[in-house]
Amino acid sequence: MEELKLEKALEAAERNARLRDIEISKVLTQEELDLANQLQAKANAGKMKLVPETKVKNKAKFAQIIQENWLYLIQNDVLKNEEIMFLNKILGFIGFRSNCLVQDIKAREQIPMTQTELAEALKMSRTNANRLIKQLIDKGIMGKFESGRDGLNAKMYALYINPNIILCGDRDNINETLQTMFKKRSKELKKLPVRLT
């Protein structure tokens, strides 16, 4: 009988300890939670939403292909197969927010790649890489703009991808310089279904 009473008392103490731990770990008190719910109801009435701050847990690098535009380019024969393959190969070199082809996407200071460096990284001849780059620039899918790369006396150029085709960054906050670079549209891109810039 004593053992049963002791066992029940231990279970009750354990349950109470768990409830205390839960209460302590709460971000908001019940009163604060009620107030937050009232504020959310007001926000909902005004077609707004209160969203808790979230921290980025996954630091994976990615580039987004604008699907409708990609399909448009393929269905309207704007892109040749070798250009599609080339664009797929360079996805891993697109710098975050700049859409510039860079040497190391993880580096804090992203250094633009030269056409020669890109050809070497893709293990293809410089002639073929330059030809494909020129074709994609002529179609407005890539851009070549002067770069301020330090340590070199010669005039340097950086290669960029049109963010209306492939974007590495926040589609709601596209770098203004990048938008300006691709403001002028080639005839192939005038009828793109989706415009981000």
N, C-alpha and C. Protein backbone atom coordinates (compact mmCIF):
# COMPACT_ATOMS: atom_id res chain seq x y z
N MET A 1 0.81 -1.18 0.00
CA MET A 1 0.00 0.00 0.00
C MET A 1 0.87 1.26 0.00
N GLU A 2 1.91 1.27 0.83
CA GLU A 2 2.82 2.40 0.91
C GLU A 2 3.54 2.61 -0.43
N GLU A 3 3.89 1.50 -1.08
CA GLU A 3 4.58 1.58 -2.37
C GLU A 3 3.69 2.24 -3.41
N LEU A 4 2.41 1.90 -3.42
CA LEU A 4 1.45 2.47 -4.36
C LEU A 4 1.30 3.97 -4.15
N LYS A 5 1.20 4.40 -2.90
CA LYS A 5 1.09 5.82 -2.58
C LYS A 5 2.35 6.57 -3.03
N LEU A 6 3.51 5.96 -2.78
CA LEU A 6 4.78 6.57 -3.15
C LEU A 6 4.89 6.69 -4.68
N GLU A 7 4.48 5.64 -5.38
CA GLU A 7 4.52 5.64 -6.85
C GLU A 7 3.62 6.74 -7.41
N LYS A 8 2.41 6.88 -6.87
CA LYS A 8 1.48 7.91 -7.33
C LYS A 8 2.02 9.31 -7.03
N ALA A 9 2.63 9.46 -5.89
CA ALA A 9 3.20 10.76 -5.51
C ALA A 9 4.35 11.13 -6.46
N LEU A 10 5.18 10.14 -6.82
CA LEU A 10 6.28 10.39 -7.76
C LEU A 10 5.76 10.76 -9.14
N GLU A 11 4.71 10.06 -9.60
CA GLU A 11 4.11 10.37 -10.90
C GLU A 11 3.55 11.79 -10.91
N ALA A 12 2.87 12.18 -9.83
CA ALA A 12 2.30 13.53 -9.72
C ALA A 12 3.41 14.58 -9.72
N ALA A 13 4.50 14.32 -8.98
CA ALA A 13 5.62 15.26 -8.93
C ALA A 13 6.27 15.41 -10.30
N GLU A 14 6.42 14.28 -11.01
CA GLU A 14 7.00 14.30 -12.35
C GLU A 14 6.12 15.08 -13.31
N ARG A 15 4.80 14.87 -13.25
CA ARG A 15 3.84 15.57 -14.10
C ARG A 15 3.90 17.08 -13.82
N ASN A 16 3.93 17.46 -12.54
CA ASN A 16 4.02 18.87 -12.16
C ASN A 16 5.32 19.50 -12.64
N ALA A 17 6.41 18.76 -12.56
CA ALA A 17 7.71 19.27 -13.02
C ALA A 17 7.68 19.51 -14.53
N ARG A 18 7.04 18.57 -15.29
CA ARG A 18 6.91 18.75 -16.74
C ARG A 18 6.08 19.98 -17.07
N LEU A 19 4.99 20.18 -16.34
CA LEU A 19 4.13 21.35 -16.57
C LEU A 19 4.87 22.64 -16.28
N ARG A 20 5.70 22.65 -15.21
CA ARG A 20 6.50 23.83 -14.89
C ARG A 20 7.51 24.11 -16.01
N ASP A 21 8.16 23.05 -16.51
CA ASP A 21 9.13 23.20 -17.61
C ASP A 21 8.46 23.79 -18.85
N ILE A 22 7.28 23.32 -19.16
CA ILE A 22 6.52 23.83 -20.31
C ILE A 22 6.19 25.29 -20.10
N GLU A 23 5.73 25.64 -18.91
CA GLU A 23 5.36 27.02 -18.60
C GLU A 23 6.58 27.94 -18.70
N ILE A 24 7.73 27.48 -18.19
CA ILE A 24 8.95 28.28 -18.22
C ILE A 24 9.44 28.48 -19.66
N SER A 25 9.29 27.46 -20.50
CA SER A 25 9.81 27.54 -21.87
C SER A 25 8.92 28.34 -22.81
N LYS A 26 7.74 28.74 -22.38
CA LYS A 26 6.85 29.54 -23.22
C LYS A 26 7.48 30.89 -23.51
N VAL A 27 7.35 31.33 -24.76
CA VAL A 27 7.87 32.62 -25.17
C VAL A 27 6.97 33.73 -24.62
N LEU A 28 5.67 33.49 -24.62
CA LEU A 28 4.69 34.47 -24.15
C LEU A 28 3.88 33.91 -22.99
N THR A 29 3.49 34.80 -22.08
CA THR A 29 2.57 34.38 -21.01
C THR A 29 1.18 34.24 -21.64
N GLN A 30 0.24 33.67 -20.89
CA GLN A 30 -1.11 33.51 -21.41
C GLN A 30 -1.73 34.87 -21.71
N GLU A 31 -1.47 35.85 -20.87
CA GLU A 31 -1.99 37.21 -21.08
C GLU A 31 -1.43 37.81 -22.37
N GLU A 32 -0.11 37.65 -22.58
CA GLU A 32 0.52 38.16 -23.80
C GLU A 32 0.00 37.43 -25.03
N LEU A 33 -0.22 36.12 -24.90
CA LEU A 33 -0.75 35.33 -26.00
C LEU A 33 -2.15 35.79 -26.37
N ASP A 34 -2.99 36.09 -25.38
CA ASP A 34 -4.34 36.60 -25.63
C ASP A 34 -4.27 37.94 -26.37
N LEU A 35 -3.36 38.82 -25.94
CA LEU A 35 -3.19 40.12 -26.60
C LEU A 35 -2.72 39.93 -28.05
N ALA A 36 -1.78 39.01 -28.25
CA ALA A 36 -1.28 38.74 -29.61
C ALA A 36 -2.41 38.23 -30.50
N ASN A 37 -3.28 37.38 -29.96
CA ASN A 37 -4.42 36.87 -30.74
C ASN A 37 -5.38 38.00 -31.10
N GLN A 38 -5.59 38.95 -30.18
CA GLN A 38 -6.45 40.10 -30.48
C GLN A 38 -5.85 40.94 -31.59
N LEU A 39 -4.54 41.18 -31.51
CA LEU A 39 -3.86 41.96 -32.55
C LEU A 39 -3.92 41.25 -33.90
N GLN A 40 -3.76 39.93 -33.89
CA GLN A 40 -3.83 39.16 -35.13
C GLN A 40 -5.23 39.25 -35.74
N ALA A 41 -6.26 39.21 -34.90
CA ALA A 41 -7.64 39.33 -35.39
C ALA A 41 -7.85 40.69 -36.06
N LYS A 42 -7.32 41.77 -35.44
CA LYS A 42 -7.42 43.10 -36.05
C LYS A 42 -6.67 43.14 -37.38
N ALA A 43 -5.48 42.57 -37.38
CA ALA A 43 -4.67 42.55 -38.62
C ALA A 43 -5.40 41.79 -39.72
N ASN A 44 -6.00 40.65 -39.35
CA ASN A 44 -6.74 39.85 -40.34
C ASN A 44 -7.90 40.65 -40.92
N ALA A 45 -8.58 41.42 -40.08
CA ALA A 45 -9.70 42.24 -40.54
C ALA A 45 -9.24 43.27 -41.57
N GLY A 46 -8.02 43.75 -41.41
CA GLY A 46 -7.45 44.72 -42.35
C GLY A 46 -6.67 44.06 -43.47
N LYS A 47 -6.87 42.74 -43.65
CA LYS A 47 -6.18 41.94 -44.69
C LYS A 47 -4.66 42.03 -44.55
N MET A 48 -4.19 42.02 -43.28
CA MET A 48 -2.77 42.02 -42.98
C MET A 48 -2.47 40.76 -42.18
N LYS A 49 -1.19 40.48 -42.05
CA LYS A 49 -0.82 39.30 -41.30
C LYS A 49 0.39 39.61 -40.43
N LEU A 50 0.30 39.27 -39.16
CA LEU A 50 1.45 39.40 -38.27
C LEU A 50 2.22 38.09 -38.35
N VAL A 51 3.50 38.17 -38.63
CA VAL A 51 4.29 36.96 -38.82
C VAL A 51 5.45 36.96 -37.83
N PRO A 52 5.65 35.86 -37.12
CA PRO A 52 6.80 35.83 -36.22
C PRO A 52 8.11 35.82 -37.01
N GLU A 53 9.13 36.41 -36.43
CA GLU A 53 10.43 36.43 -37.10
C GLU A 53 10.98 35.01 -37.14
N THR A 54 11.45 34.62 -38.31
CA THR A 54 12.04 33.29 -38.44
C THR A 54 13.51 33.45 -38.78
N LYS A 55 14.30 32.59 -38.23
CA LYS A 55 15.72 32.61 -38.52
C LYS A 55 16.00 31.59 -39.63
N VAL A 56 16.90 31.96 -40.52
CA VAL A 56 17.26 31.05 -41.60
C VAL A 56 18.09 29.93 -41.00
N LYS A 57 17.58 28.72 -41.13
CA LYS A 57 18.28 27.57 -40.56
C LYS A 57 19.15 26.89 -41.61
N ASN A 58 18.68 26.93 -42.86
CA ASN A 58 19.39 26.24 -43.93
C ASN A 58 20.16 27.26 -44.75
N LYS A 59 21.44 27.10 -44.82
CA LYS A 59 22.29 28.06 -45.53
C LYS A 59 22.62 27.57 -46.95
N ALA A 60 21.81 26.68 -47.50
CA ALA A 60 22.05 26.15 -48.84
C ALA A 60 21.94 27.28 -49.86
N LYS A 61 22.86 27.28 -50.82
CA LYS A 61 22.85 28.27 -51.90
C LYS A 61 21.97 27.71 -53.02
N PHE A 62 21.16 28.58 -53.63
CA PHE A 62 20.30 28.12 -54.71
C PHE A 62 20.03 29.22 -55.70
N ALA A 63 19.71 28.83 -56.92
CA ALA A 63 19.28 29.76 -57.97
C ALA A 63 17.89 29.30 -58.39
N GLN A 64 17.02 30.27 -58.66
CA GLN A 64 15.65 29.95 -59.06
C GLN A 64 15.48 30.16 -60.56
N ILE A 65 14.94 29.18 -61.23
CA ILE A 65 14.60 29.33 -62.64
C ILE A 65 13.15 29.81 -62.68
N ILE A 66 12.89 30.90 -63.38
CA ILE A 66 11.53 31.41 -63.49
C ILE A 66 10.82 30.50 -64.50
N GLN A 67 10.06 29.57 -63.99
CA GLN A 67 9.53 28.46 -64.79
C GLN A 67 8.75 28.89 -66.03
N GLU A 68 7.82 29.83 -65.87
CA GLU A 68 7.01 30.23 -67.03
C GLU A 68 7.88 30.83 -68.13
N ASN A 69 8.87 31.63 -67.73
CA ASN A 69 9.77 32.23 -68.71
C ASN A 69 10.67 31.19 -69.37
N TRP A 70 11.13 30.23 -68.58
CA TRP A 70 11.98 29.15 -69.09
C TRP A 70 11.20 28.35 -70.14
N LEU A 71 9.96 28.01 -69.80
CA LEU A 71 9.12 27.27 -70.76
C LEU A 71 8.88 28.08 -72.02
N TYR A 72 8.64 29.37 -71.85
CA TYR A 72 8.44 30.26 -73.01
C TYR A 72 9.65 30.19 -73.93
N LEU A 73 10.86 30.30 -73.35
CA LEU A 73 12.09 30.28 -74.16
C LEU A 73 12.26 28.96 -74.90
N ILE A 74 11.90 27.88 -74.25
CA ILE A 74 12.05 26.56 -74.87
C ILE A 74 10.96 26.32 -75.91
N GLN A 75 9.71 26.61 -75.57
CA GLN A 75 8.60 26.37 -76.49
C GLN A 75 8.64 27.26 -77.73
N ASN A 76 9.27 28.42 -77.62
CA ASN A 76 9.37 29.33 -78.76
C ASN A 76 10.74 29.25 -79.44
N ASP A 77 11.48 28.20 -79.14
CA ASP A 77 12.79 27.94 -79.76
C ASP A 77 13.76 29.11 -79.67
N VAL A 78 13.69 29.85 -78.57
CA VAL A 78 14.62 30.95 -78.35
C VAL A 78 15.98 30.37 -77.97
N LEU A 79 15.97 29.30 -77.18
CA LEU A 79 17.21 28.66 -76.73
C LEU A 79 17.51 27.41 -77.53
N LYS A 80 18.77 27.28 -77.93
CA LYS A 80 19.23 26.05 -78.57
C LYS A 80 19.63 25.09 -77.45
N ASN A 81 19.69 23.80 -77.77
CA ASN A 81 20.05 22.79 -76.77
C ASN A 81 21.39 23.08 -76.10
N GLU A 82 22.37 23.50 -76.88
CA GLU A 82 23.69 23.77 -76.29
C GLU A 82 23.63 24.98 -75.34
N GLU A 83 22.75 25.93 -75.61
CA GLU A 83 22.59 27.08 -74.72
C GLU A 83 21.90 26.66 -73.43
N ILE A 84 20.92 25.77 -73.53
CA ILE A 84 20.24 25.23 -72.34
C ILE A 84 21.25 24.50 -71.46
N MET A 85 22.08 23.67 -72.08
CA MET A 85 23.11 22.93 -71.33
C MET A 85 24.09 23.89 -70.67
N PHE A 86 24.50 24.91 -71.40
CA PHE A 86 25.45 25.89 -70.87
C PHE A 86 24.85 26.62 -69.66
N LEU A 87 23.60 27.05 -69.77
CA LEU A 87 22.94 27.73 -68.65
C LEU A 87 22.83 26.82 -67.43
N ASN A 88 22.55 25.55 -67.66
CA ASN A 88 22.49 24.59 -66.55
C ASN A 88 23.85 24.43 -65.90
N LYS A 89 24.90 24.44 -66.68
CA LYS A 89 26.25 24.27 -66.14
C LYS A 89 26.70 25.47 -65.31
N ILE A 90 26.23 26.67 -65.65
CA ILE A 90 26.70 27.85 -64.93
C ILE A 90 25.87 28.18 -63.68
N LEU A 91 24.81 27.42 -63.44
CA LEU A 91 23.96 27.68 -62.27
C LEU A 91 24.76 27.75 -60.97
N GLY A 92 25.76 26.92 -60.84
CA GLY A 92 26.56 26.86 -59.61
C GLY A 92 27.51 28.02 -59.42
N PHE A 93 27.55 28.95 -60.38
CA PHE A 93 28.47 30.09 -60.28
C PHE A 93 27.74 31.43 -60.13
N ILE A 94 26.43 31.41 -59.98
CA ILE A 94 25.66 32.66 -59.90
C ILE A 94 25.72 33.19 -58.46
N GLY A 95 26.21 34.41 -58.31
CA GLY A 95 26.36 35.03 -56.99
C GLY A 95 25.03 35.51 -56.45
N PHE A 96 24.86 35.37 -55.14
CA PHE A 96 23.63 35.77 -54.47
C PHE A 96 23.41 37.27 -54.56
N ARG A 97 22.22 37.66 -54.96
CA ARG A 97 21.75 39.05 -55.12
C ARG A 97 22.37 39.80 -56.29
N SER A 98 23.56 39.43 -56.72
CA SER A 98 24.18 40.15 -57.85
C SER A 98 23.83 39.51 -59.18
N ASN A 99 23.55 38.20 -59.17
CA ASN A 99 23.32 37.41 -60.38
C ASN A 99 24.55 37.42 -61.29
N CYS A 100 25.68 37.77 -60.72
CA CYS A 100 26.96 37.79 -61.44
C CYS A 100 27.59 36.40 -61.36
N LEU A 101 28.29 35.99 -62.41
CA LEU A 101 29.01 34.73 -62.35
C LEU A 101 30.29 34.99 -61.57
N VAL A 102 30.44 34.29 -60.44
CA VAL A 102 31.54 34.56 -59.52
C VAL A 102 32.41 33.32 -59.29
N GLN A 103 33.62 33.58 -58.80
CA GLN A 103 34.58 32.50 -58.57
C GLN A 103 34.14 31.57 -57.45
N ASP A 104 33.58 32.14 -56.37
CA ASP A 104 33.19 31.33 -55.22
C ASP A 104 31.90 31.90 -54.62
N ILE A 105 30.81 31.17 -54.75
CA ILE A 105 29.51 31.67 -54.28
C ILE A 105 29.44 31.76 -52.76
N LYS A 106 30.34 31.09 -52.05
CA LYS A 106 30.32 31.12 -50.58
C LYS A 106 31.17 32.26 -50.00
N ALA A 107 32.01 32.85 -50.83
CA ALA A 107 32.92 33.89 -50.34
C ALA A 107 32.15 35.14 -49.94
N ARG A 108 32.64 35.80 -48.91
CA ARG A 108 32.01 37.04 -48.44
C ARG A 108 32.10 38.11 -49.54
N GLU A 109 33.29 38.27 -50.12
CA GLU A 109 33.48 39.20 -51.23
C GLU A 109 33.52 38.37 -52.51
N GLN A 110 32.49 38.48 -53.29
CA GLN A 110 32.38 37.65 -54.49
C GLN A 110 33.09 38.31 -55.66
N ILE A 111 34.06 37.60 -56.21
CA ILE A 111 34.87 38.12 -57.31
C ILE A 111 34.32 37.58 -58.62
N PRO A 112 34.00 38.50 -59.57
CA PRO A 112 33.47 38.05 -60.86
C PRO A 112 34.47 37.18 -61.61
N MET A 113 33.94 36.24 -62.36
CA MET A 113 34.76 35.37 -63.19
C MET A 113 34.97 36.01 -64.55
N THR A 114 36.15 35.80 -65.10
CA THR A 114 36.37 36.20 -66.49
C THR A 114 35.83 35.08 -67.37
N GLN A 115 35.70 35.37 -68.65
CA GLN A 115 35.21 34.33 -69.58
C GLN A 115 36.19 33.17 -69.62
N THR A 116 37.48 33.46 -69.52
CA THR A 116 38.50 32.41 -69.52
C THR A 116 38.36 31.53 -68.28
N GLU A 117 38.18 32.16 -67.12
CA GLU A 117 38.01 31.40 -65.88
C GLU A 117 36.75 30.53 -65.93
N LEU A 118 35.69 31.08 -66.52
CA LEU A 118 34.45 30.31 -66.64
C LEU A 118 34.66 29.10 -67.54
N ALA A 119 35.32 29.30 -68.67
CA ALA A 119 35.59 28.19 -69.59
C ALA A 119 36.40 27.10 -68.89
N GLU A 120 37.41 27.51 -68.13
CA GLU A 120 38.24 26.55 -67.40
C GLU A 120 37.41 25.80 -66.35
N ALA A 121 36.58 26.52 -65.62
CA ALA A 121 35.75 25.90 -64.58
C ALA A 121 34.77 24.89 -65.17
N LEU A 122 34.29 25.17 -66.38
CA LEU A 122 33.33 24.27 -67.04
C LEU A 122 34.02 23.19 -67.88
N LYS A 123 35.36 23.26 -67.91
CA LYS A 123 36.16 22.30 -68.68
C LYS A 123 35.73 22.28 -70.15
N MET A 124 35.65 23.48 -70.71
CA MET A 124 35.34 23.60 -72.13
C MET A 124 36.30 24.58 -72.78
N SER A 125 36.37 24.55 -74.09
CA SER A 125 37.29 25.45 -74.78
C SER A 125 36.82 26.90 -74.63
N ARG A 126 37.78 27.80 -74.61
CA ARG A 126 37.47 29.22 -74.51
C ARG A 126 36.64 29.67 -75.70
N THR A 127 36.94 29.12 -76.87
CA THR A 127 36.22 29.49 -78.09
C THR A 127 34.74 29.14 -77.97
N ASN A 128 34.44 27.93 -77.52
CA ASN A 128 33.03 27.51 -77.37
C ASN A 128 32.33 28.33 -76.29
N ALA A 129 33.01 28.55 -75.16
CA ALA A 129 32.40 29.32 -74.07
C ALA A 129 32.10 30.74 -74.54
N ASN A 130 33.06 31.37 -75.22
CA ASN A 130 32.87 32.73 -75.71
C ASN A 130 31.73 32.81 -76.73
N ARG A 131 31.63 31.82 -77.59
CA ARG A 131 30.56 31.78 -78.59
C ARG A 131 29.19 31.69 -77.92
N LEU A 132 29.06 30.78 -76.95
CA LEU A 132 27.78 30.61 -76.25
C LEU A 132 27.42 31.86 -75.44
N ILE A 133 28.42 32.46 -74.80
CA ILE A 133 28.19 33.68 -74.02
C ILE A 133 27.69 34.78 -74.95
N LYS A 134 28.32 34.93 -76.12
CA LYS A 134 27.91 35.97 -77.07
C LYS A 134 26.47 35.72 -77.54
N GLN A 135 26.13 34.47 -77.84
CA GLN A 135 24.76 34.15 -78.28
C GLN A 135 23.74 34.52 -77.19
N LEU A 136 24.06 34.18 -75.94
CA LEU A 136 23.14 34.45 -74.84
C LEU A 136 23.05 35.95 -74.52
N ILE A 137 24.15 36.67 -74.73
CA ILE A 137 24.13 38.12 -74.55
C ILE A 137 23.25 38.75 -75.64
N ASP A 138 23.42 38.28 -76.88
CA ASP A 138 22.61 38.81 -77.99
C ASP A 138 21.12 38.59 -77.76
N LYS A 139 20.77 37.52 -77.07
CA LYS A 139 19.35 37.21 -76.79
C LYS A 139 18.85 37.89 -75.52
N GLY A 140 19.75 38.54 -74.79
CA GLY A 140 19.36 39.24 -73.56
C GLY A 140 19.27 38.35 -72.34
N ILE A 141 19.73 37.11 -72.43
CA ILE A 141 19.66 36.17 -71.32
C ILE A 141 20.86 36.35 -70.39
N MET A 142 21.97 36.79 -70.97
CA MET A 142 23.15 37.14 -70.19
C MET A 142 23.50 38.59 -70.48
N GLY A 143 24.29 39.18 -69.61
CA GLY A 143 24.79 40.53 -69.83
C GLY A 143 26.27 40.59 -69.49
N LYS A 144 26.99 41.48 -70.17
CA LYS A 144 28.42 41.64 -69.93
C LYS A 144 28.63 43.11 -69.64
N PHE A 145 29.06 43.41 -68.41
CA PHE A 145 29.19 44.79 -67.99
C PHE A 145 30.57 45.00 -67.35
N GLU A 146 31.05 46.23 -67.42
CA GLU A 146 32.37 46.53 -66.88
C GLU A 146 32.43 46.23 -65.39
N SER A 147 33.56 45.64 -64.99
CA SER A 147 33.74 45.23 -63.60
C SER A 147 34.88 46.03 -62.98
N GLY A 148 34.77 46.28 -61.70
CA GLY A 148 35.84 46.98 -60.99
C GLY A 148 36.76 46.01 -60.30
N ARG A 149 37.09 44.91 -60.92
CA ARG A 149 37.93 43.90 -60.29
C ARG A 149 39.33 44.46 -60.03
N ASP A 150 39.76 44.40 -58.79
CA ASP A 150 41.04 44.97 -58.38
C ASP A 150 42.23 44.13 -58.82
N GLY A 151 43.37 44.80 -58.91
CA GLY A 151 44.64 44.10 -59.15
C GLY A 151 44.94 43.87 -60.61
N LEU A 152 44.07 44.28 -61.49
CA LEU A 152 44.32 44.07 -62.92
C LEU A 152 44.22 45.42 -63.62
N ASN A 153 45.19 45.69 -64.49
CA ASN A 153 45.21 46.97 -65.19
C ASN A 153 44.25 47.00 -66.38
N ALA A 154 44.05 45.87 -67.00
CA ALA A 154 43.19 45.81 -68.19
C ALA A 154 41.74 46.05 -67.80
N LYS A 155 40.96 46.53 -68.75
CA LYS A 155 39.52 46.73 -68.52
C LYS A 155 38.90 45.34 -68.36
N MET A 156 38.15 45.16 -67.28
CA MET A 156 37.57 43.85 -67.00
C MET A 156 36.05 43.91 -67.13
N TYR A 157 35.49 42.79 -67.50
CA TYR A 157 34.04 42.68 -67.63
C TYR A 157 33.53 41.55 -66.76
N ALA A 158 32.34 41.72 -66.23
CA ALA A 158 31.70 40.68 -65.44
C ALA A 158 30.48 40.19 -66.22
N LEU A 159 30.15 38.93 -66.03
CA LEU A 159 29.01 38.32 -66.71
C LEU A 159 27.85 38.17 -65.73
N TYR A 160 26.67 38.53 -66.18
CA TYR A 160 25.46 38.47 -65.35
C TYR A 160 24.39 37.67 -66.06
N ILE A 161 23.50 37.09 -65.27
CA ILE A 161 22.34 36.36 -65.80
C ILE A 161 21.12 37.25 -65.61
N ASN A 162 20.28 37.30 -66.64
CA ASN A 162 19.05 38.09 -66.57
C ASN A 162 18.16 37.51 -65.46
N PRO A 163 17.80 38.33 -64.46
CA PRO A 163 16.99 37.82 -63.33
C PRO A 163 15.57 37.43 -63.73
N ASN A 164 15.14 37.80 -64.93
CA ASN A 164 13.82 37.36 -65.42
C ASN A 164 13.85 35.92 -65.91
N ILE A 165 15.05 35.36 -66.03
CA ILE A 165 15.21 33.97 -66.47
C ILE A 165 15.64 33.10 -65.30
N ILE A 166 16.76 33.46 -64.68
CA ILE A 166 17.30 32.74 -63.52
C ILE A 166 17.67 33.79 -62.47
N LEU A 167 17.25 33.56 -61.24
CA LEU A 167 17.52 34.53 -60.18
C LEU A 167 18.14 33.83 -58.98
N CYS A 168 19.20 34.43 -58.47
CA CYS A 168 19.81 33.96 -57.24
C CYS A 168 19.63 35.08 -56.22
N GLY A 169 18.53 35.03 -55.48
CA GLY A 169 18.24 36.08 -54.52
C GLY A 169 16.75 36.17 -54.24
N ASP A 170 16.35 37.26 -53.61
CA ASP A 170 14.97 37.50 -53.22
C ASP A 170 14.21 38.13 -54.37
N ARG A 171 13.23 37.44 -54.91
CA ARG A 171 12.51 37.95 -56.09
C ARG A 171 11.67 39.18 -55.77
N ASP A 172 11.43 39.46 -54.48
CA ASP A 172 10.70 40.67 -54.10
C ASP A 172 11.63 41.84 -53.81
N ASN A 173 12.92 41.61 -53.88
CA ASN A 173 13.89 42.66 -53.58
C ASN A 173 15.11 42.50 -54.49
N ILE A 174 14.90 42.69 -55.78
CA ILE A 174 15.98 42.51 -56.75
C ILE A 174 16.87 43.74 -56.76
N ASN A 175 18.15 43.51 -56.70
CA ASN A 175 19.18 44.55 -56.73
C ASN A 175 18.85 45.57 -57.84
N GLU A 176 18.82 46.87 -57.48
CA GLU A 176 18.44 47.92 -58.43
C GLU A 176 19.41 48.01 -59.61
N THR A 177 20.69 47.82 -59.35
CA THR A 177 21.68 47.86 -60.44
C THR A 177 21.40 46.75 -61.42
N LEU A 178 21.09 45.57 -60.91
CA LEU A 178 20.77 44.43 -61.77
C LEU A 178 19.53 44.72 -62.61
N GLN A 179 18.53 45.34 -62.01
CA GLN A 179 17.31 45.69 -62.75
C GLN A 179 17.65 46.64 -63.89
N THR A 180 18.49 47.63 -63.60
CA THR A 180 18.86 48.62 -64.62
C THR A 180 19.62 47.96 -65.77
N MET A 181 20.50 47.02 -65.44
CA MET A 181 21.31 46.37 -66.48
C MET A 181 20.44 45.63 -67.49
N PHE A 182 19.32 45.08 -67.04
CA PHE A 182 18.47 44.29 -67.93
C PHE A 182 17.16 44.99 -68.27
N LYS A 183 17.13 46.32 -68.13
CA LYS A 183 15.94 47.11 -68.44
C LYS A 183 15.59 47.00 -69.93
N LYS A 184 16.61 47.15 -70.78
CA LYS A 184 16.41 47.05 -72.22
C LYS A 184 16.22 45.57 -72.57
N ARG A 185 15.15 45.29 -73.28
CA ARG A 185 14.84 43.89 -73.60
C ARG A 185 15.09 43.59 -75.07
N SER A 186 15.67 42.44 -75.32
CA SER A 186 15.87 42.01 -76.69
C SER A 186 14.52 41.58 -77.27
N LYS A 187 14.46 41.45 -78.59
CA LYS A 187 13.18 41.06 -79.21
C LYS A 187 12.73 39.68 -78.72
N GLU A 188 13.69 38.79 -78.40
CA GLU A 188 13.33 37.44 -77.92
C GLU A 188 12.65 37.48 -76.55
N LEU A 189 12.95 38.51 -75.75
CA LEU A 189 12.43 38.55 -74.39
C LEU A 189 11.26 39.52 -74.18
N LYS A 190 10.83 40.18 -75.25
CA LYS A 190 9.75 41.18 -75.10
C LYS A 190 8.43 40.57 -74.65
N LYS A 191 8.19 39.29 -74.96
CA LYS A 191 6.91 38.67 -74.63
C LYS A 191 7.01 37.67 -73.47
N LEU A 192 8.03 37.83 -72.63
CA LEU A 192 8.13 36.93 -71.48
C LEU A 192 6.86 37.02 -70.63
N PRO A 193 6.30 35.89 -70.19
CA PRO A 193 5.07 35.94 -69.41
C PRO A 193 5.22 36.55 -68.02
N VAL A 194 6.39 36.42 -67.39
CA VAL A 194 6.59 36.93 -66.02
C VAL A 194 7.71 37.96 -66.04
N ARG A 195 7.45 39.10 -65.42
CA ARG A 195 8.46 40.17 -65.31
C ARG A 195 8.78 40.42 -63.85
N LEU A 196 10.02 40.23 -63.48
CA LEU A 196 10.46 40.53 -62.12
C LEU A 196 11.09 41.91 -62.06
N THR A 197 11.62 42.38 -63.19
CA THR A 197 12.27 43.69 -63.23
C THR A 197 11.56 44.61 -64.19
